[in-house]
Protein backbone atom coordinates (compact mmCIF):
# COMPACT_ATOMS: atom_id res chain seq x y z
CA MET A 1 -37.22 -40.27 -62.76
CA TYR A 2 -40.87 -41.02 -62.04
CA ILE A 3 -43.68 -39.87 -64.13
CA PHE A 4 -46.98 -39.57 -60.86
CA GLN A 5 -50.32 -40.18 -62.47
CA ALA A 6 -53.69 -39.79 -60.32
CA ILE A 7 -55.07 -43.19 -60.88
CA GLU A 8 -59.14 -44.12 -60.13
CA ILE A 9 -59.45 -45.81 -56.77
CA GLN A 10 -60.69 -48.79 -58.35
CA GLN A 11 -57.56 -49.42 -59.65
CA PHE A 12 -56.12 -49.43 -56.24
CA LYS A 13 -56.39 -52.41 -54.02
CA LEU A 14 -58.22 -51.55 -50.56
CA GLY A 15 -56.42 -52.57 -47.31
CA SER A 16 -53.04 -50.63 -47.59
CA SER A 17 -51.24 -49.26 -44.84
CA LYS A 18 -49.18 -46.45 -44.09
CA ILE A 19 -45.50 -46.63 -45.41
CA ILE A 20 -43.93 -43.15 -44.46
CA SER A 21 -45.00 -39.78 -43.52
CA PRO A 22 -44.60 -36.79 -45.61
CA GLU A 23 -43.02 -34.95 -42.68
CA VAL A 24 -45.28 -32.16 -43.45
CA GLY A 25 -46.93 -30.04 -40.25
CA PHE A 26 -50.31 -29.20 -38.89
CA GLY A 27 -51.81 -26.09 -39.88
CA GLN A 28 -50.67 -24.24 -43.23
CA GLU A 29 -47.65 -26.59 -43.93
CA THR A 30 -50.88 -29.28 -44.40
CA ALA A 31 -52.99 -26.26 -46.22
CA GLN A 32 -49.90 -26.30 -48.58
CA PHE A 33 -49.29 -29.56 -49.21
CA ARG A 34 -52.89 -30.45 -50.21
CA GLY A 35 -52.77 -27.43 -52.31
CA SER A 36 -50.25 -28.17 -54.54
CA LEU A 37 -52.00 -31.76 -55.06
CA LEU A 38 -54.78 -29.98 -56.24
CA THR A 39 -52.41 -27.81 -59.02
CA LEU A 40 -50.46 -31.56 -60.11
CA PHE A 41 -53.30 -33.54 -60.03
CA GLY A 42 -56.98 -32.28 -59.67
CA GLU A 43 -59.89 -32.98 -57.29
CA PRO A 44 -58.79 -36.20 -55.02
CA ASN A 45 -60.62 -39.33 -55.24
CA PHE A 46 -62.98 -38.72 -52.88
CA LYS A 47 -63.42 -36.60 -49.88
CA THR A 48 -65.21 -35.34 -46.95
CA SER A 49 -65.99 -33.05 -44.09
CA ASN A 50 -64.66 -35.27 -41.70
CA ALA A 51 -60.72 -34.08 -40.17
CA GLU A 52 -59.85 -37.50 -39.91
CA ASN A 53 -60.57 -38.52 -43.22
CA ALA A 54 -60.34 -35.82 -45.00
CA PHE A 55 -59.30 -36.84 -48.61
CA GLN A 56 -57.79 -39.21 -50.94
CA TYR A 57 -55.38 -40.06 -54.16
CA ALA A 58 -54.56 -43.03 -55.58
CA ILE A 59 -51.08 -42.55 -57.49
CA ARG A 60 -49.15 -44.38 -59.91
CA ALA A 61 -45.63 -43.64 -60.13
CA THR A 62 -43.82 -45.03 -63.37
CA ASP A 63 -40.23 -44.98 -63.89
CA ASN A 64 -37.34 -45.04 -66.12
CA THR A 65 -37.82 -48.26 -67.07
CA GLY A 66 -41.57 -48.66 -67.07
CA GLN A 67 -41.73 -50.01 -63.57
CA ALA A 68 -44.76 -49.13 -61.80
CA TYR A 69 -45.85 -48.55 -58.05
CA THR A 70 -49.40 -47.31 -56.51
CA PHE A 71 -49.89 -45.70 -53.62
CA THR A 72 -52.22 -43.40 -51.28
CA VAL A 73 -51.47 -40.25 -50.42
CA TYR A 74 -54.63 -39.06 -47.46
CA GLU A 75 -55.32 -36.87 -44.67
CA GLY A 76 -56.46 -39.53 -41.74
CA SER A 77 -56.18 -38.83 -37.97
CA SER A 78 -52.82 -38.66 -37.43
CA GLY A 79 -52.27 -36.41 -40.50
CA LEU A 80 -51.03 -36.37 -43.99
CA ALA A 81 -49.36 -39.83 -44.55
CA ILE A 82 -48.68 -42.03 -47.77
CA GLY A 83 -50.15 -45.52 -47.70
CA SER A 84 -49.48 -48.80 -50.14
CA HIS A 85 -49.51 -52.29 -49.83
CA HIS A 86 -45.91 -52.64 -50.12
CA ARG A 87 -43.04 -51.53 -48.28
CA ASP A 88 -40.08 -52.42 -50.31
CA THR A 89 -37.74 -50.18 -51.23
CA SER A 90 -38.24 -49.51 -54.67
CA THR A 91 -41.99 -48.50 -53.20
CA LEU A 92 -40.51 -46.25 -50.48
CA LEU A 93 -38.37 -44.65 -53.26
CA ALA A 94 -41.17 -43.96 -55.28
CA ALA A 95 -43.18 -42.53 -52.60
CA GLN A 96 -40.29 -40.43 -50.97
CA THR A 97 -39.96 -38.62 -54.30
CA PHE A 98 -43.48 -38.08 -54.89
CA VAL A 99 -43.29 -36.03 -51.35
CA GLN A 100 -40.66 -33.64 -52.74
CA TYR A 101 -42.36 -33.39 -56.10
CA VAL A 102 -45.68 -31.94 -54.04
CA LYS A 103 -43.64 -29.60 -51.91
CA GLU A 104 -42.05 -28.18 -54.78
CA ALA A 105 -45.39 -27.41 -56.60
CA SER A 106 -47.29 -23.89 -56.30
CA PRO A 107 -50.25 -24.60 -54.67
CA ALA A 108 -53.76 -24.25 -56.08
CA ASP A 109 -56.57 -21.74 -54.73
CA PHE A 110 -58.90 -23.94 -52.49
CA GLU A 111 -60.77 -23.76 -49.24
CA GLU A 112 -62.53 -26.91 -47.77
CA LYS A 113 -64.47 -26.36 -44.04
CA MET A 114 -64.15 -29.66 -41.73
CA VAL A 115 -65.27 -30.96 -38.31
CA TYR A 116 -63.62 -32.90 -35.87
CA GLY A 117 -66.04 -36.13 -34.55
CA ASP A 118 -64.58 -36.15 -31.42
CA THR A 119 -64.16 -32.85 -30.01
CA GLY A 120 -66.48 -31.18 -32.79
CA SER A 121 -63.36 -28.37 -33.72
CA ARG A 122 -64.11 -26.71 -36.90
CA ILE A 123 -61.11 -25.89 -39.75
CA VAL A 124 -61.14 -24.30 -42.32
CA TYR A 125 -58.08 -24.40 -44.11
CA GLY A 126 -56.83 -23.71 -47.96
CA CYS A 127 -55.28 -21.29 -50.00
CA LYS A 128 -55.52 -18.13 -51.83
CA ASP A 129 -52.98 -16.95 -54.37
CA GLY A 130 -50.18 -18.62 -53.12
CA VAL A 131 -51.01 -17.84 -49.06
CA CYS A 132 -51.98 -20.82 -47.43
CA TYR A 133 -54.42 -20.24 -44.08
CA TYR A 134 -55.40 -22.97 -41.06
CA ASN A 135 -57.98 -22.19 -38.84
CA GLU A 136 -59.31 -23.96 -36.19
CA THR A 137 -62.10 -23.29 -33.73
CA LEU A 138 -62.65 -24.74 -30.62
CA PRO A 139 -66.25 -25.76 -29.68
CA PHE A 140 -67.16 -22.99 -26.34
CA SER A 141 -63.80 -21.25 -26.54
CA ASN A 142 -65.09 -18.31 -25.48
CA VAL A 143 -66.07 -20.16 -21.70
CA SER A 144 -64.20 -18.72 -18.85
CA HIS A 145 -63.75 -20.09 -15.32
CA ASN A 146 -65.41 -18.51 -12.16
CA TYR A 147 -62.10 -18.73 -9.95
CA GLU A 148 -60.58 -15.64 -8.46
CA GLU A 149 -58.50 -17.83 -6.95
CA LEU A 150 -57.20 -21.57 -6.17
CA PRO A 151 -59.45 -23.17 -2.80
CA GLN A 152 -57.14 -23.21 0.30
CA LEU A 153 -56.23 -26.87 1.27
CA SER A 154 -57.03 -28.04 4.56
CA GLN A 155 -54.35 -29.90 6.79
CA SER A 156 -56.36 -32.76 6.95
CA GLN A 157 -56.35 -33.01 3.04
CA LEU A 158 -52.60 -32.38 2.51
CA ASP A 159 -51.79 -35.01 5.52
CA GLU A 160 -53.85 -37.46 2.97
CA VAL A 161 -51.66 -37.30 0.62
CA LEU A 162 -48.62 -37.41 2.56
CA ALA A 163 -49.56 -40.42 3.84
CA ILE A 164 -49.66 -42.49 0.81
CA ASP A 165 -47.31 -44.87 0.60
CA PHE A 166 -46.75 -47.42 -2.90
CA SER A 167 -42.92 -47.94 -2.24
CA ASN A 168 -43.33 -51.42 -1.61
CA THR A 169 -45.81 -52.06 -4.38
CA THR A 170 -44.81 -54.29 -6.92
CA ASP A 171 -46.26 -53.33 -10.40
CA GLU A 172 -45.57 -54.75 -13.70
CA ASP A 173 -46.45 -51.36 -15.23
CA SER A 174 -43.71 -49.44 -13.50
CA TRP A 175 -43.84 -47.12 -16.40
CA PHE A 176 -46.97 -45.63 -14.86
CA TRP A 177 -46.57 -45.86 -11.30
CA LYS A 178 -43.19 -44.97 -10.43
CA GLU A 179 -42.76 -42.21 -12.94
CA GLU A 180 -42.55 -38.96 -10.71
CA LEU A 181 -42.76 -36.36 -13.87
CA LEU A 182 -40.75 -34.00 -11.83
CA LYS A 183 -38.68 -32.90 -14.57
CA PHE A 184 -41.47 -32.49 -16.88
CA SER A 185 -44.09 -31.13 -15.35
CA ASN A 186 -45.00 -28.32 -12.67
CA VAL A 187 -47.72 -30.29 -11.72
CA HIS A 188 -46.99 -32.82 -8.96
CA PHE A 189 -47.84 -36.07 -10.85
CA PRO A 190 -47.56 -38.33 -8.12
CA SER A 191 -49.60 -36.84 -5.53
CA ILE A 192 -52.82 -36.72 -7.90
CA ARG A 193 -52.23 -40.09 -9.15
CA ASP A 194 -51.71 -41.70 -6.18
CA LEU A 195 -54.57 -39.93 -4.05
CA MET A 196 -56.91 -41.67 -6.73
CA ARG A 197 -54.89 -45.22 -6.95
CA LYS A 198 -55.58 -44.87 -2.94
CA ASP A 199 -59.32 -44.44 -3.40
CA LEU A 200 -59.86 -47.08 -5.87
CA SER A 201 -58.00 -49.61 -3.97
CA LEU A 202 -59.89 -48.67 -0.60
CA SER A 203 -62.62 -51.14 -1.58
CA ARG A 204 -60.28 -54.11 -3.19
CA ALA A 205 -58.29 -56.48 -1.64
CA ASN A 206 -55.42 -55.25 -3.50
CA THR A 207 -53.96 -52.24 -4.27
CA VAL A 208 -55.31 -51.62 -8.03
CA SER A 209 -53.19 -51.81 -10.93
CA LEU A 210 -53.12 -50.67 -14.26
CA LYS A 211 -54.68 -53.42 -16.23
CA GLU A 212 -57.41 -53.56 -13.26
CA VAL A 213 -58.09 -49.95 -14.30
CA GLU A 214 -58.66 -50.88 -17.83
CA GLN A 215 -60.87 -53.47 -17.13
CA ILE A 216 -62.84 -51.18 -14.83
CA GLY A 217 -62.61 -48.70 -17.73
CA LEU A 218 -63.84 -51.23 -20.22
CA GLU A 219 -67.15 -52.47 -17.78
CA GLU A 220 -68.46 -48.97 -17.36
CA GLY A 221 -67.86 -47.83 -20.75
CA PHE A 222 -64.84 -45.86 -20.91
CA HIS A 223 -62.71 -46.73 -23.93
CA PRO A 224 -59.08 -46.76 -22.53
CA ASN A 225 -56.69 -47.61 -24.90
CA PHE A 226 -52.79 -46.71 -23.68
CA SER A 227 -49.30 -48.57 -23.41
CA ALA A 228 -45.88 -47.48 -22.27
CA SER A 229 -45.49 -45.00 -24.76
CA THR A 230 -48.66 -43.30 -24.37
CA PRO A 231 -48.45 -42.70 -20.85
CA GLU A 232 -50.97 -39.45 -20.67
CA MET A 233 -54.06 -42.09 -21.89
CA ALA A 234 -52.98 -44.28 -18.67
CA LEU A 235 -53.85 -40.90 -16.98
CA ILE A 236 -57.07 -40.03 -18.66
CA ALA A 237 -58.16 -44.13 -17.95
CA LEU A 238 -56.86 -44.05 -14.17
CA GLY A 239 -59.26 -40.28 -13.80
CA GLU A 240 -62.28 -41.32 -15.73
CA VAL A 241 -62.15 -44.56 -13.60
CA TRP A 242 -61.70 -42.76 -10.26
CA ALA A 243 -63.99 -39.89 -11.02
CA TRP A 244 -66.99 -42.58 -11.92
CA LYS A 245 -66.13 -44.96 -9.46
CA THR A 246 -65.36 -43.03 -6.42
CA THR A 247 -67.49 -39.84 -6.73
CA ALA A 248 -71.11 -39.16 -5.35
CA GLY A 249 -73.65 -38.64 -8.40
CA LYS A 250 -76.16 -40.91 -10.37
CA ALA A 251 -74.99 -42.63 -13.58
CA THR A 252 -75.87 -40.03 -16.37
CA GLN A 253 -74.38 -39.47 -19.29
CA LYS A 254 -73.83 -35.96 -18.63
CA ARG A 255 -71.83 -37.21 -15.55
CA HIS A 256 -70.17 -40.20 -17.42
CA LEU A 257 -68.53 -37.21 -20.19
CA ASP A 258 -67.84 -34.87 -17.27
CA CYS A 259 -65.50 -37.93 -16.00
CA SER A 260 -63.92 -38.28 -19.22
CA SER A 261 -63.71 -34.26 -19.28
CA PHE A 262 -62.27 -34.40 -16.01
CA ALA A 263 -59.84 -36.79 -16.55
CA TRP A 264 -58.53 -35.18 -20.05
CA THR A 265 -57.84 -31.79 -18.05
CA LEU A 266 -55.79 -33.41 -15.88
CA SER A 267 -53.92 -35.30 -18.21
CA ARG A 268 -52.93 -31.79 -19.88
CA ALA A 269 -51.69 -30.53 -16.99
CA VAL A 270 -49.52 -33.43 -16.12
CA TYR A 271 -48.54 -34.15 -20.08
CA GLY A 272 -49.46 -31.09 -22.21
CA PHE A 273 -52.16 -33.08 -23.91
CA HIS A 274 -54.80 -31.01 -25.43
CA GLY A 275 -57.24 -32.23 -27.88
CA GLY A 276 -60.26 -29.76 -27.49
CA ASN A 277 -63.17 -29.39 -25.57
CA LEU A 278 -65.99 -32.60 -24.71
CA ASN A 279 -68.48 -30.08 -22.97
CA LYS A 280 -68.96 -26.78 -21.50
CA ASN A 281 -67.32 -27.79 -18.13
CA HIS A 282 -64.33 -29.21 -19.76
CA ALA A 283 -64.21 -26.20 -21.75
CA ARG A 284 -64.22 -24.29 -18.15
CA ALA A 285 -62.02 -26.79 -16.90
CA ASN A 286 -59.22 -25.93 -19.19
CA ALA A 287 -59.67 -22.25 -18.68
CA LEU A 288 -59.15 -22.66 -15.05
CA TYR A 289 -55.93 -24.44 -15.79
CA GLU A 290 -54.96 -21.90 -18.81
CA ALA A 291 -55.54 -19.13 -15.77
CA TYR A 292 -53.33 -21.03 -13.38
CA GLU A 293 -50.61 -23.65 -15.06
CA ASP A 294 -47.67 -20.93 -14.57
CA LYS A 295 -49.04 -20.48 -10.78
CA ILE A 296 -49.00 -24.59 -9.77
CA SER A 297 -45.31 -25.33 -8.60
CA SER A 298 -45.50 -27.16 -5.76
CA GLN A 299 -47.43 -29.99 -4.01
CA GLU A 300 -49.92 -28.16 -2.31
CA ASP A 301 -50.46 -26.21 -5.33
CA THR A 302 -51.24 -28.94 -7.61
CA LEU A 303 -53.80 -30.39 -4.71
CA ARG A 304 -55.03 -26.79 -4.40
CA PHE A 305 -56.31 -27.02 -8.23
CA PHE A 306 -57.11 -30.60 -8.34
CA TYR A 307 -59.40 -29.61 -5.48
CA ALA A 308 -60.64 -26.56 -7.45
CA LEU A 309 -61.27 -29.12 -10.24
CA LEU A 310 -63.77 -31.56 -8.76
CA ASP A 311 -65.76 -28.51 -7.21
CA LEU A 312 -66.07 -27.16 -11.18
CA PHE A 313 -67.40 -30.51 -11.76
CA LYS A 314 -69.19 -31.30 -8.46
CA PHE A 315 -67.35 -34.33 -7.57
CA LYS A 316 -67.57 -34.87 -4.45
CA ARG A 317 -65.24 -37.76 -2.91
CA LEU A 318 -66.80 -40.56 -1.05
């Protein structure tokens, strides 16, 4: 049994880290949890319009013996979380009990408007008379593509891909270079991955590695950040570097952003990883994928989609 109290943020030392997730889904469940916090504790210690730093409460939980445990509840870049300076069993139990306590409370009426800085997505969420809602509007959401059908593939384009063979290459990052994903996605992942790898390796004395892709990305002003647990981000890193280094065009800010948009679209097609639209061309690329998602079922279809993306972004291979 605990007594939960909201405390001033000054009473809570800075530098805490996430200890548990409340296991609350995005959307309406997030709105309901925030509404319940309002019912129980009133306004948070702070709130912003930044969806990745939406609000925070500092909470003190006092048990039957008078022992107190402090933690925060906040909505950050990965959603709702509980943070603390301690991860001991007693603090975790107090935090878990707190989460259940909040979930059982009725939500107060509220409405908040927020923005995701990276994508420009606008969110309006809240509760009214016990009914909670969550609406997200993506920028350029009404943009469409201009393709009645995917371009036909020439025999030379198909032969080029069929001739690529990295089977004898020793890779430290085999989780990326040797993975086929043929049971995961209808997109023929090895074809586009290996084609980009081939192009990047042409001017080098060696077959480009994922570590070298990361280094090139950093040098060219991208922000590669991936590991074996986030292969979708590795594909984004490869796609950005490939588009920037091996297609014709001036080194402009717009082209730099188009390279990222192209890479994110590829990653969505392969891994289903979608985070909104970076610019209008990205919106068109996503619309193109959505139109043909169910029609991509072979290596040839994959390459037709790949070349359609190049045409959409006006990328011409060197």
